[in-house]
């Protein structure tokens, strides 16, 4: 299941980059050329989602959501140069705990 967390992380980076590229163009008025790598990243994101463990799409997406939230806050810090505050960190921790419960919880 650690492999799932790593795959979730790579998937999140692809999704965040793809959306951020559109944000750069639309909100920050950067070149429309940002849409090309953004579209490629979003296509990669969609493909990566198909590689996740087969335990029900809804369950996979719910577990992925926690990792996405944590990765988004890392992006905020690393790319946008805005440090997450303690509420961000608490929220991300709760989400990652939820992800772990979904992934590692006993199933009948």
PDB file of N, CA and C in Angstrom:
ATOM      1  N   UNK A   1       0.812  -1.210   0.000  1.00  0.00           N
ATOM      2  CA  UNK A   1       0.000   0.000   0.000  1.00  0.00           C
ATOM      3  C   UNK A   1       0.851   1.268   0.000  1.00  0.00           C
ATOM      4  N   UNK A   2       2.117   1.165   0.418  1.00  0.00           N
ATOM      5  CA  UNK A   2       2.994   2.329   0.338  1.00  0.00           C
ATOM      6  C   UNK A   2       3.143   2.739  -1.125  1.00  0.00           C
ATOM      7  N   UNK A   3       3.164   1.751  -2.021  1.00  0.00           N
ATOM      8  CA  UNK A   3       3.221   2.027  -3.455  1.00  0.00           C
ATOM      9  C   UNK A   3       2.020   2.881  -3.874  1.00  0.00           C
ATOM     10  N   UNK A   4       0.863   2.621  -3.267  1.00  0.00           N
ATOM     11  CA  UNK A   4      -0.339   3.406  -3.577  1.00  0.00           C
ATOM     12  C   UNK A   4      -0.140   4.862  -3.190  1.00  0.00           C
ATOM     13  N   UNK A   5       0.466   5.118  -2.025  1.00  0.00           N
ATOM     14  CA  UNK A   5       0.724   6.497  -1.605  1.00  0.00           C
ATOM     15  C   UNK A   5       1.662   7.206  -2.577  1.00  0.00           C
ATOM     16  N   UNK A   6       2.701   6.496  -3.033  1.00  0.00           N
ATOM     17  CA  UNK A   6       3.638   7.085  -3.993  1.00  0.00           C
ATOM     18  C   UNK A   6       2.929   7.381  -5.299  1.00  0.00           C
ATOM     19  N   UNK A   7       2.136   6.430  -5.773  1.00  0.00           N
ATOM     20  CA  UNK A   7       1.381   6.639  -7.010  1.00  0.00           C
ATOM     21  C   UNK A   7       0.386   7.783  -6.851  1.00  0.00           C
ATOM     22  N   UNK A   8      -0.262   7.872  -5.688  1.00  0.00           N
ATOM     23  CA  UNK A   8      -1.158   9.002  -5.423  1.00  0.00           C
ATOM     24  C   UNK A   8      -0.383  10.310  -5.498  1.00  0.00           C
ATOM     25  N   UNK A   9       0.821  10.350  -4.957  1.00  0.00           N
ATOM     26  CA  UNK A   9       1.633  11.568  -4.979  1.00  0.00           C
ATOM     27  C   UNK A   9       1.984  12.010  -6.392  1.00  0.00           C
ATOM     28  N   UNK A  10       2.413  11.057  -7.211  1.00  0.00           N
ATOM     29  CA  UNK A  10       2.751  11.369  -8.608  1.00  0.00           C
ATOM     30  C   UNK A  10       1.500  11.833  -9.358  1.00  0.00           C
ATOM     31  N   UNK A  11       0.386  11.175  -9.108  1.00  0.00           N
ATOM     32  CA  UNK A  11      -0.881  11.551  -9.738  1.00  0.00           C
ATOM     33  C   UNK A  11      -1.274  12.962  -9.335  1.00  0.00           C
ATOM     34  N   UNK A  12      -1.113  13.283  -8.061  1.00  0.00           N
ATOM     35  CA  UNK A  12      -1.469  14.620  -7.568  1.00  0.00           C
ATOM     36  C   UNK A  12      -0.610  15.694  -8.220  1.00  0.00           C
ATOM     37  N   UNK A  13       0.689  15.448  -8.365  1.00  0.00           N
ATOM     38  CA  UNK A  13       1.565  16.435  -9.002  1.00  0.00           C
ATOM     39  C   UNK A  13       1.122  16.691 -10.442  1.00  0.00           C
ATOM     40  N   UNK A  14       0.768  15.641 -11.160  1.00  0.00           N
ATOM     41  CA  UNK A  14       0.300  15.812 -12.540  1.00  0.00           C
ATOM     42  C   UNK A  14      -0.981  16.639 -12.575  1.00  0.00           C
ATOM     43  N   UNK A  15      -1.914  16.341 -11.672  1.00  0.00           N
ATOM     44  CA  UNK A  15      -3.169  17.091 -11.656  1.00  0.00           C
ATOM     45  C   UNK A  15      -2.945  18.546 -11.250  1.00  0.00           C
ATOM     46  N   UNK A  16      -2.166  18.751 -10.214  1.00  0.00           N
ATOM     47  CA  UNK A  16      -1.927  20.116  -9.734  1.00  0.00           C
ATOM     48  C   UNK A  16      -1.207  20.937 -10.790  1.00  0.00           C
ATOM     49  N   UNK A  17      -0.170  20.361 -11.427  1.00  0.00           N
ATOM     50  CA  UNK A  17       0.536  21.095 -12.469  1.00  0.00           C
ATOM     51  C   UNK A  17      -0.394  21.441 -13.629  1.00  0.00           C
ATOM     52  N   UNK A  18      -1.202  20.475 -14.047  1.00  0.00           N
ATOM     53  CA  UNK A  18      -2.121  20.728 -15.161  1.00  0.00           C
ATOM     54  C   UNK A  18      -3.087  21.860 -14.853  1.00  0.00           C
ATOM     55  N   UNK A  19      -3.652  21.842 -13.665  1.00  0.00           N
ATOM     56  CA  UNK A  19      -4.582  22.910 -13.280  1.00  0.00           C
ATOM     57  C   UNK A  19      -3.851  24.235 -13.074  1.00  0.00           C
ATOM     58  N   UNK A  20      -2.648  24.179 -12.522  1.00  0.00           N
ATOM     59  CA  UNK A  20      -1.876  25.401 -12.290  1.00  0.00           C
ATOM     60  C   UNK A  20      -1.493  26.063 -13.613  1.00  0.00           C
ATOM     61  N   UNK A  21      -1.204  25.257 -14.625  1.00  0.00           N
ATOM     62  CA  UNK A  21      -0.870  25.822 -15.935  1.00  0.00           C
ATOM     63  C   UNK A  21      -2.048  26.620 -16.495  1.00  0.00           C
ATOM     64  N   UNK A  22      -3.258  26.098 -16.332  1.00  0.00           N
ATOM     65  CA  UNK A  22      -4.453  26.832 -16.770  1.00  0.00           C
ATOM     66  C   UNK A  22      -4.616  28.096 -15.926  1.00  0.00           C
ATOM     67  N   UNK A  23      -4.376  27.981 -14.625  1.00  0.00           N
ATOM     68  CA  UNK A  23      -4.446  29.131 -13.724  1.00  0.00           C
ATOM     69  C   UNK A  23      -3.459  30.219 -14.155  1.00  0.00           C
ATOM     70  N   UNK A  24      -2.241  29.803 -14.525  1.00  0.00           N
ATOM     71  CA  UNK A  24      -1.249  30.783 -14.980  1.00  0.00           C
ATOM     72  C   UNK A  24      -1.761  31.564 -16.181  1.00  0.00           C
ATOM     73  N   UNK A  25      -2.355  30.850 -17.115  1.00  0.00           N
ATOM     74  CA  UNK A  25      -2.852  31.504 -18.330  1.00  0.00           C
ATOM     75  C   UNK A  25      -4.077  32.368 -18.045  1.00  0.00           C
ATOM     76  N   UNK A  26      -5.048  31.813 -17.343  1.00  0.00           N
ATOM     77  CA  UNK A  26      -6.335  32.479 -17.179  1.00  0.00           C
ATOM     78  C   UNK A  26      -6.304  33.590 -16.130  1.00  0.00           C
ATOM     79  N   UNK A  27      -5.682  33.347 -14.997  1.00  0.00           N
ATOM     80  CA  UNK A  27      -5.732  34.307 -13.891  1.00  0.00           C
ATOM     81  C   UNK A  27      -4.504  35.213 -13.812  1.00  0.00           C
ATOM     82  N   UNK A  28      -3.341  34.678 -14.212  1.00  0.00           N
ATOM     83  CA  UNK A  28      -2.117  35.477 -14.123  1.00  0.00           C
ATOM     84  C   UNK A  28      -1.679  36.020 -15.480  1.00  0.00           C
ATOM     85  N   UNK A  29      -2.503  35.769 -16.500  1.00  0.00           N
ATOM     86  CA  UNK A  29      -2.305  36.325 -17.840  1.00  0.00           C
ATOM     87  C   UNK A  29      -0.951  35.960 -18.450  1.00  0.00           C
ATOM     88  N   UNK A  30      -0.536  34.723 -18.207  1.00  0.00           N
ATOM     89  CA  UNK A  30       0.679  34.207 -18.839  1.00  0.00           C
ATOM     90  C   UNK A  30       0.335  33.709 -20.233  1.00  0.00           C
ATOM     91  N   UNK A  31       1.334  33.339 -20.970  1.00  0.00           N
ATOM     92  CA  UNK A  31       1.168  32.883 -22.346  1.00  0.00           C
ATOM     93  C   UNK A  31       0.209  31.699 -22.451  1.00  0.00           C
ATOM     94  N   UNK A  32      -0.541  31.692 -23.533  1.00  0.00           N
ATOM     95  CA  UNK A  32      -1.443  30.562 -23.793  1.00  0.00           C
ATOM     96  C   UNK A  32      -0.664  29.270 -24.034  1.00  0.00           C
ATOM     97  N   UNK A  33       0.619  29.381 -24.264  1.00  0.00           N
ATOM     98  CA  UNK A  33       1.448  28.187 -24.428  1.00  0.00           C
ATOM     99  C   UNK A  33       1.467  27.326 -23.165  1.00  0.00           C
ATOM    100  N   UNK A  34       1.136  27.911 -22.020  1.00  0.00           N
ATOM    101  CA  UNK A  34       1.044  27.134 -20.781  1.00  0.00           C
ATOM    102  C   UNK A  34      -0.053  26.072 -20.871  1.00  0.00           C
ATOM    103  N   UNK A  35      -1.012  26.280 -21.767  1.00  0.00           N
ATOM    104  CA  UNK A  35      -2.102  25.312 -21.901  1.00  0.00           C
ATOM    105  C   UNK A  35      -1.618  23.975 -22.453  1.00  0.00           C
ATOM    106  N   UNK A  36      -0.576  23.989 -23.253  1.00  0.00           N
ATOM    107  CA  UNK A  36      -0.065  22.743 -23.838  1.00  0.00           C
ATOM    108  C   UNK A  36       0.514  21.809 -22.766  1.00  0.00           C
ATOM    109  N   UNK A  37       1.486  22.248 -21.970  1.00  0.00           N
ATOM    110  CA  UNK A  37       1.954  21.323 -20.921  1.00  0.00           C
ATOM    111  C   UNK A  37       0.863  21.034 -19.893  1.00  0.00           C
ATOM    112  N   UNK A  38      -0.036  21.990 -19.696  1.00  0.00           N
ATOM    113  CA  UNK A  38      -1.149  21.749 -18.780  1.00  0.00           C
ATOM    114  C   UNK A  38      -2.044  20.620 -19.264  1.00  0.00           C
ATOM    115  N   UNK A  39      -2.368  20.629 -20.551  1.00  0.00           N
ATOM    116  CA  UNK A  39      -3.199  19.569 -21.114  1.00  0.00           C
ATOM    117  C   UNK A  39      -2.485  18.221 -21.063  1.00  0.00           C
ATOM    118  N   UNK A  40      -1.197  18.219 -21.338  1.00  0.00           N
ATOM    119  CA  UNK A  40      -0.431  16.971 -21.260  1.00  0.00           C
ATOM    120  C   UNK A  40      -0.392  16.440 -19.829  1.00  0.00           C
ATOM    121  N   UNK A  41      -0.219  17.335 -18.868  1.00  0.00           N
ATOM    122  CA  UNK A  41      -0.200  16.913 -17.463  1.00  0.00           C
ATOM    123  C   UNK A  41      -1.554  16.356 -17.035  1.00  0.00           C
ATOM    124  N   UNK A  42      -2.633  16.973 -17.492  1.00  0.00           N
ATOM    125  CA  UNK A  42      -3.960  16.470 -17.130  1.00  0.00           C
ATOM    126  C   UNK A  42      -4.258  15.135 -17.806  1.00  0.00           C
ATOM    127  N   UNK A  43      -3.746  14.942 -19.022  1.00  0.00           N
ATOM    128  CA  UNK A  43      -3.898  13.635 -19.681  1.00  0.00           C
ATOM    129  C   UNK A  43      -3.096  12.578 -18.904  1.00  0.00           C
ATOM    130  N   UNK A  44      -1.892  12.938 -18.466  1.00  0.00           N
ATOM    131  CA  UNK A  44      -1.083  12.035 -17.650  1.00  0.00           C
ATOM    132  C   UNK A  44      -1.806  11.707 -16.350  1.00  0.00           C
ATOM    133  N   UNK A  45      -2.397  12.716 -15.731  1.00  0.00           N
ATOM    134  CA  UNK A  45      -3.173  12.524 -14.498  1.00  0.00           C
ATOM    135  C   UNK A  45      -4.285  11.497 -14.712  1.00  0.00           C
ATOM    136  N   UNK A  46      -5.037  11.647 -15.782  1.00  0.00           N
ATOM    137  CA  UNK A  46      -6.140  10.718 -16.053  1.00  0.00           C
ATOM    138  C   UNK A  46      -5.618   9.296 -16.271  1.00  0.00           C
ATOM    139  N   UNK A  47      -4.516   9.171 -16.986  1.00  0.00           N
ATOM    140  CA  UNK A  47      -3.936   7.848 -17.212  1.00  0.00           C
ATOM    141  C   UNK A  47      -3.438   7.248 -15.905  1.00  0.00           C
ATOM    142  N   UNK A  48      -2.777   8.059 -15.074  1.00  0.00           N
ATOM    143  CA  UNK A  48      -2.265   7.568 -13.792  1.00  0.00           C
ATOM    144  C   UNK A  48      -3.389   7.053 -12.895  1.00  0.00           C
ATOM    145  N   UNK A  49      -4.550   7.685 -12.971  1.00  0.00           N
ATOM    146  CA  UNK A  49      -5.674   7.208 -12.164  1.00  0.00           C
ATOM    147  C   UNK A  49      -6.047   5.770 -12.500  1.00  0.00           C
ATOM    148  N   UNK A  50      -5.810   5.367 -13.738  1.00  0.00           N
ATOM    149  CA  UNK A  50      -6.150   3.996 -14.132  1.00  0.00           C
ATOM    150  C   UNK A  50      -5.175   2.970 -13.557  1.00  0.00           C
ATOM    151  N   UNK A  51      -4.041   3.415 -13.034  1.00  0.00           N
ATOM    152  CA  UNK A  51      -3.031   2.504 -12.497  1.00  0.00           C
ATOM    153  C   UNK A  51      -3.220   2.205 -11.018  1.00  0.00           C
ATOM    154  N   UNK A  52      -4.153   2.879 -10.382  1.00  0.00           N
ATOM    155  CA  UNK A  52      -4.355   2.706  -8.948  1.00  0.00           C
ATOM    156  C   UNK A  52      -5.007   1.360  -8.648  1.00  0.00           C
ATOM    157  N   UNK A  53      -4.825   0.884  -7.415  1.00  0.00           N
ATOM    158  CA  UNK A  53      -5.369  -0.427  -7.045  1.00  0.00           C
ATOM    159  C   UNK A  53      -6.864  -0.548  -7.338  1.00  0.00           C
ATOM    160  N   UNK A  54      -7.259  -1.730  -7.736  1.00  0.00           N
ATOM    161  CA  UNK A  54      -8.665  -1.988  -8.040  1.00  0.00           C
ATOM    162  C   UNK A  54      -9.412  -2.332  -6.759  1.00  0.00           C
ATOM    163  N   UNK A  55      -9.964  -1.326  -6.111  1.00  0.00           N
ATOM    164  CA  UNK A  55     -10.756  -1.557  -4.905  1.00  0.00           C
ATOM    165  C   UNK A  55     -12.022  -0.730  -4.941  1.00  0.00           C
ATOM    166  N   UNK A  56     -12.471  -0.438  -6.129  1.00  0.00           N
ATOM    167  CA  UNK A  56     -13.637   0.413  -6.321  1.00  0.00           C
ATOM    168  C   UNK A  56     -13.184   1.831  -6.637  1.00  0.00           C
ATOM    169  N   UNK A  57     -13.639   2.360  -7.738  1.00  0.00           N
ATOM    170  CA  UNK A  57     -13.198   3.685  -8.170  1.00  0.00           C
ATOM    171  C   UNK A  57     -13.494   4.748  -7.115  1.00  0.00           C
ATOM    172  N   UNK A  58     -14.665   4.712  -6.525  1.00  0.00           N
ATOM    173  CA  UNK A  58     -15.018   5.715  -5.524  1.00  0.00           C
ATOM    174  C   UNK A  58     -14.092   5.669  -4.321  1.00  0.00           C
ATOM    175  N   UNK A  59     -13.727   4.477  -3.887  1.00  0.00           N
ATOM    176  CA  UNK A  59     -12.819   4.325  -2.750  1.00  0.00           C
ATOM    177  C   UNK A  59     -11.425   4.829  -3.109  1.00  0.00           C
ATOM    178  N   UNK A  60     -10.955   4.508  -4.297  1.00  0.00           N
ATOM    179  CA  UNK A  60      -9.646   4.982  -4.744  1.00  0.00           C
ATOM    180  C   UNK A  60      -9.635   6.502  -4.807  1.00  0.00           C
ATOM    181  N   UNK A  61     -10.673   7.099  -5.381  1.00  0.00           N
ATOM    182  CA  UNK A  61     -10.716   8.559  -5.505  1.00  0.00           C
ATOM    183  C   UNK A  61     -10.817   9.223  -4.140  1.00  0.00           C
ATOM    184  N   UNK A  62     -11.536   8.608  -3.211  1.00  0.00           N
ATOM    185  CA  UNK A  62     -11.632   9.166  -1.859  1.00  0.00           C
ATOM    186  C   UNK A  62     -10.268   9.129  -1.177  1.00  0.00           C
ATOM    187  N   UNK A  63      -9.571   8.007  -1.288  1.00  0.00           N
ATOM    188  CA  UNK A  63      -8.235   7.897  -0.690  1.00  0.00           C
ATOM    189  C   UNK A  63      -7.275   8.871  -1.359  1.00  0.00           C
ATOM    190  N   UNK A  64      -7.352   8.995  -2.665  1.00  0.00           N
ATOM    191  CA  UNK A  64      -6.500   9.920  -3.413  1.00  0.00           C
ATOM    192  C   UNK A  64      -6.722  11.360  -2.957  1.00  0.00           C
ATOM    193  N   UNK A  65      -7.948  11.694  -2.607  1.00  0.00           N
ATOM    194  CA  UNK A  65      -8.275  13.063  -2.205  1.00  0.00           C
ATOM    195  C   UNK A  65      -7.436  13.562  -1.048  1.00  0.00           C
ATOM    196  N   UNK A  66      -7.172  12.713  -0.080  1.00  0.00           N
ATOM    197  CA  UNK A  66      -6.347  13.122   1.051  1.00  0.00           C
ATOM    198  C   UNK A  66      -4.921  13.440   0.642  1.00  0.00           C
ATOM    199  N   UNK A  67      -4.370  12.613  -0.227  1.00  0.00           N
ATOM    200  CA  UNK A  67      -3.015  12.854  -0.722  1.00  0.00           C
ATOM    201  C   UNK A  67      -2.984  14.116  -1.577  1.00  0.00           C
ATOM    202  N   UNK A  68      -4.028  14.324  -2.384  1.00  0.00           N
ATOM    203  CA  UNK A  68      -4.118  15.526  -3.213  1.00  0.00           C
ATOM    204  C   UNK A  68      -4.090  16.786  -2.351  1.00  0.00           C
ATOM    205  N   UNK A  69      -4.819  16.771  -1.255  1.00  0.00           N
ATOM    206  CA  UNK A  69      -4.859  17.942  -0.374  1.00  0.00           C
ATOM    207  C   UNK A  69      -3.477  18.234   0.192  1.00  0.00           C
ATOM    208  N   UNK A  70      -2.797  17.211   0.688  1.00  0.00           N
ATOM    209  CA  UNK A  70      -1.454  17.400   1.233  1.00  0.00           C
ATOM    210  C   UNK A  70      -0.488  17.881   0.147  1.00  0.00           C
ATOM    211  N   UNK A  71      -0.563  17.291  -1.044  1.00  0.00           N
ATOM    212  CA  UNK A  71       0.313  17.695  -2.141  1.00  0.00           C
ATOM    213  C   UNK A  71       0.036  19.133  -2.569  1.00  0.00           C
ATOM    214  N   UNK A  72      -1.216  19.544  -2.522  1.00  0.00           N
ATOM    215  CA  UNK A  72      -1.559  20.925  -2.876  1.00  0.00           C
ATOM    216  C   UNK A  72      -0.915  21.918  -1.921  1.00  0.00           C
ATOM    217  N   UNK A  73      -0.866  21.558  -0.650  1.00  0.00           N
ATOM    218  CA  UNK A  73      -0.222  22.445   0.322  1.00  0.00           C
ATOM    219  C   UNK A  73       1.293  22.464   0.140  1.00  0.00           C
ATOM    220  N   UNK A  74       1.878  21.338  -0.239  1.00  0.00           N
ATOM    221  CA  UNK A  74       3.302  21.335  -0.574  1.00  0.00           C
ATOM    222  C   UNK A  74       3.572  22.200  -1.801  1.00  0.00           C
ATOM    223  N   UNK A  75       2.673  22.140  -2.774  1.00  0.00           N
ATOM    224  CA  UNK A  75       2.779  22.981  -3.971  1.00  0.00           C
ATOM    225  C   UNK A  75       2.708  24.457  -3.579  1.00  0.00           C
ATOM    226  N   UNK A  76       1.769  24.786  -2.701  1.00  0.00           N
ATOM    227  CA  UNK A  76       1.623  26.159  -2.212  1.00  0.00           C
ATOM    228  C   UNK A  76       2.953  26.676  -1.673  1.00  0.00           C
ATOM    229  N   UNK A  77       3.628  25.819  -0.920  1.00  0.00           N
ATOM    230  CA  UNK A  77       4.882  26.203  -0.289  1.00  0.00           C
ATOM    231  C   UNK A  77       6.037  26.227  -1.298  1.00  0.00           C
ATOM    232  N   UNK A  78       6.173  25.167  -2.082  1.00  0.00           N
ATOM    233  CA  UNK A  78       7.321  25.026  -2.977  1.00  0.00           C
ATOM    234  C   UNK A  78       7.246  25.908  -4.215  1.00  0.00           C
ATOM    235  N   UNK A  79       6.066  26.039  -4.800  1.00  0.00           N
ATOM    236  CA  UNK A  79       5.929  26.749  -6.076  1.00  0.00           C
ATOM    237  C   UNK A  79       5.441  28.181  -5.886  1.00  0.00           C
ATOM    238  N   UNK A  80       4.433  28.350  -5.028  1.00  0.00           N
ATOM    239  CA  UNK A  80       3.859  29.678  -4.836  1.00  0.00           C
ATOM    240  C   UNK A  80       4.526  30.452  -3.711  1.00  0.00           C
ATOM    241  N   UNK A  81       5.468  29.801  -3.030  1.00  0.00           N
ATOM    242  CA  UNK A  81       6.257  30.435  -1.979  1.00  0.00           C
ATOM    243  C   UNK A  81       5.401  30.991  -0.838  1.00  0.00           C
ATOM    244  N   UNK A  82       4.302  30.291  -0.542  1.00  0.00           N
ATOM    245  CA  UNK A  82       3.439  30.643   0.580  1.00  0.00           C
ATOM    246  C   UNK A  82       3.477  29.491   1.573  1.00  0.00           C
ATOM    247  N   UNK A  83       3.915  29.770   2.760  1.00  0.00           N
ATOM    248  CA  UNK A  83       4.057  28.708   3.771  1.00  0.00           C
ATOM    249  C   UNK A  83       2.699  28.338   4.361  1.00  0.00           C
ATOM    250  N   UNK A  84       2.364  27.051   4.358  1.00  0.00           N
ATOM    251  CA  UNK A  84       1.107  26.621   4.995  1.00  0.00           C
ATOM    252  C   UNK A  84       1.141  26.938   6.494  1.00  0.00           C
ATOM    253  N   UNK A  85      -0.008  27.327   7.033  1.00  0.00           N
ATOM    254  CA  UNK A  85      -0.062  27.612   8.461  1.00  0.00           C
ATOM    255  C   UNK A  85      -0.448  26.350   9.233  1.00  0.00           C
ATOM    256  N   UNK A  86      -0.557  26.473  10.554  1.00  0.00           N
ATOM    257  CA  UNK A  86      -0.821  25.280  11.361  1.00  0.00           C
ATOM    258  C   UNK A  86      -2.197  24.688  11.073  1.00  0.00           C
ATOM    259  N   UNK A  87      -3.147  25.497  10.648  1.00  0.00           N
ATOM    260  CA  UNK A  87      -4.468  24.968  10.300  1.00  0.00           C
ATOM    261  C   UNK A  87      -4.403  24.158   9.007  1.00  0.00           C
ATOM    262  N   UNK A  88      -3.599  24.626   8.065  1.00  0.00           N
ATOM    263  CA  UNK A  88      -3.382  23.853   6.834  1.00  0.00           C
ATOM    264  C   UNK A  88      -2.772  22.497   7.167  1.00  0.00           C
ATOM    265  N   UNK A  89      -1.755  22.513   8.036  1.00  0.00           N
ATOM    266  CA  UNK A  89      -1.066  21.275   8.389  1.00  0.00           C
ATOM    267  C   UNK A  89      -1.974  20.321   9.160  1.00  0.00           C
ATOM    268  N   UNK A  90      -2.773  20.861  10.048  1.00  0.00           N
ATOM    269  CA  UNK A  90      -3.724  20.027  10.784  1.00  0.00           C
ATOM    270  C   UNK A  90      -4.740  19.402   9.825  1.00  0.00           C
ATOM    271  N   UNK A  91      -5.272  20.204   8.934  1.00  0.00           N
ATOM    272  CA  UNK A  91      -6.241  19.691   7.966  1.00  0.00           C
ATOM    273  C   UNK A  91      -5.647  18.623   7.069  1.00  0.00           C
ATOM    274  N   UNK A  92      -4.423  18.850   6.592  1.00  0.00           N
ATOM    275  CA  UNK A  92      -3.766  17.864   5.734  1.00  0.00           C
ATOM    276  C   UNK A  92      -3.499  16.573   6.505  1.00  0.00           C
ATOM    277  N   UNK A  93      -3.096  16.705   7.759  1.00  0.00           N
ATOM    278  CA  UNK A  93      -2.857  15.517   8.581  1.00  0.00           C
ATOM    279  C   UNK A  93      -4.134  14.704   8.750  1.00  0.00           C
ATOM    280  N   UNK A  94      -5.233  15.393   9.037  1.00  0.00           N
ATOM    281  CA  UNK A  94      -6.516  14.687   9.169  1.00  0.00           C
ATOM    282  C   UNK A  94      -6.888  13.979   7.870  1.00  0.00           C
ATOM    283  N   UNK A  95      -6.651  14.638   6.746  1.00  0.00           N
ATOM    284  CA  UNK A  95      -6.962  14.018   5.452  1.00  0.00           C
ATOM    285  C   UNK A  95      -6.097  12.794   5.201  1.00  0.00           C
ATOM    286  N   UNK A  96      -4.812  12.870   5.536  1.00  0.00           N
ATOM    287  CA  UNK A  96      -3.925  11.725   5.336  1.00  0.00           C
ATOM    288  C   UNK A  96      -4.287  10.571   6.272  1.00  0.00           C
ATOM    289  N   UNK A  97      -4.729  10.890   7.476  1.00  0.00           N
ATOM    290  CA  UNK A  97      -5.214   9.835   8.369  1.00  0.00           C
ATOM    291  C   UNK A  97      -6.442   9.170   7.738  1.00  0.00           C
ATOM    292  N   UNK A  98      -7.333   9.971   7.178  1.00  0.00           N
ATOM    293  CA  UNK A  98      -8.500   9.419   6.492  1.00  0.00           C
ATOM    294  C   UNK A  98      -8.103   8.548   5.311  1.00  0.00           C
ATOM    295  N   UNK A  99      -7.110   8.978   4.560  1.00  0.00           N
ATOM    296  CA  UNK A  99      -6.611   8.178   3.448  1.00  0.00           C
ATOM    297  C   UNK A  99      -6.099   6.830   3.941  1.00  0.00           C
ATOM    298  N   UNK A 100      -5.327   6.857   5.023  1.00  0.00           N
ATOM    299  CA  UNK A 100      -4.790   5.613   5.576  1.00  0.00           C
ATOM    300  C   UNK A 100      -5.906   4.686   6.054  1.00  0.00           C
ATOM    301  N   UNK A 101      -6.930   5.251   6.672  1.00  0.00           N
ATOM    302  CA  UNK A 101      -8.058   4.429   7.125  1.00  0.00           C
ATOM    303  C   UNK A 101      -8.732   3.761   5.930  1.00  0.00           C
ATOM    304  N   UNK A 102      -8.926   4.524   4.868  1.00  0.00           N
ATOM    305  CA  UNK A 102      -9.570   3.963   3.668  1.00  0.00           C
ATOM    306  C   UNK A 102      -8.697   2.872   3.052  1.00  0.00           C
ATOM    307  N   UNK A 103      -7.390   3.125   2.929  1.00  0.00           N
ATOM    308  CA  UNK A 103      -6.506   2.163   2.274  1.00  0.00           C
ATOM    309  C   UNK A 103      -6.222   0.932   3.130  1.00  0.00           C
ATOM    310  N   UNK A 104      -5.999   1.133   4.428  1.00  0.00           N
ATOM    311  CA  UNK A 104      -5.535   0.032   5.275  1.00  0.00           C
ATOM    312  C   UNK A 104      -6.633  -0.583   6.131  1.00  0.00           C
ATOM    313  N   UNK A 105      -7.829  -0.034   6.079  1.00  0.00           N
ATOM    314  CA  UNK A 105      -8.923  -0.575   6.889  1.00  0.00           C
ATOM    315  C   UNK A 105      -9.245  -1.999   6.488  1.00  0.00           C
ATOM    316  N   UNK A 106      -9.577  -2.838   7.473  1.00  0.00           N
ATOM    317  CA  UNK A 106      -9.903  -4.240   7.157  1.00  0.00           C
ATOM    318  C   UNK A 106     -11.192  -4.309   6.324  1.00  0.00           C
ATOM    319  N   UNK A 107     -11.172  -5.142   5.355  1.00  0.00           N
ATOM    320  CA  UNK A 107     -12.325  -5.344   4.473  1.00  0.00           C
ATOM    321  C   UNK A 107     -12.798  -6.785   4.599  1.00  0.00           C
ATOM    322  N   UNK A 108     -14.088  -6.955   4.542  1.00  0.00           N
ATOM    323  CA  UNK A 108     -14.621  -8.331   4.618  1.00  0.00           C
ATOM    324  C   UNK A 108     -14.847  -8.890   3.235  1.00  0.00           C
TER     325      UNK A 108
END
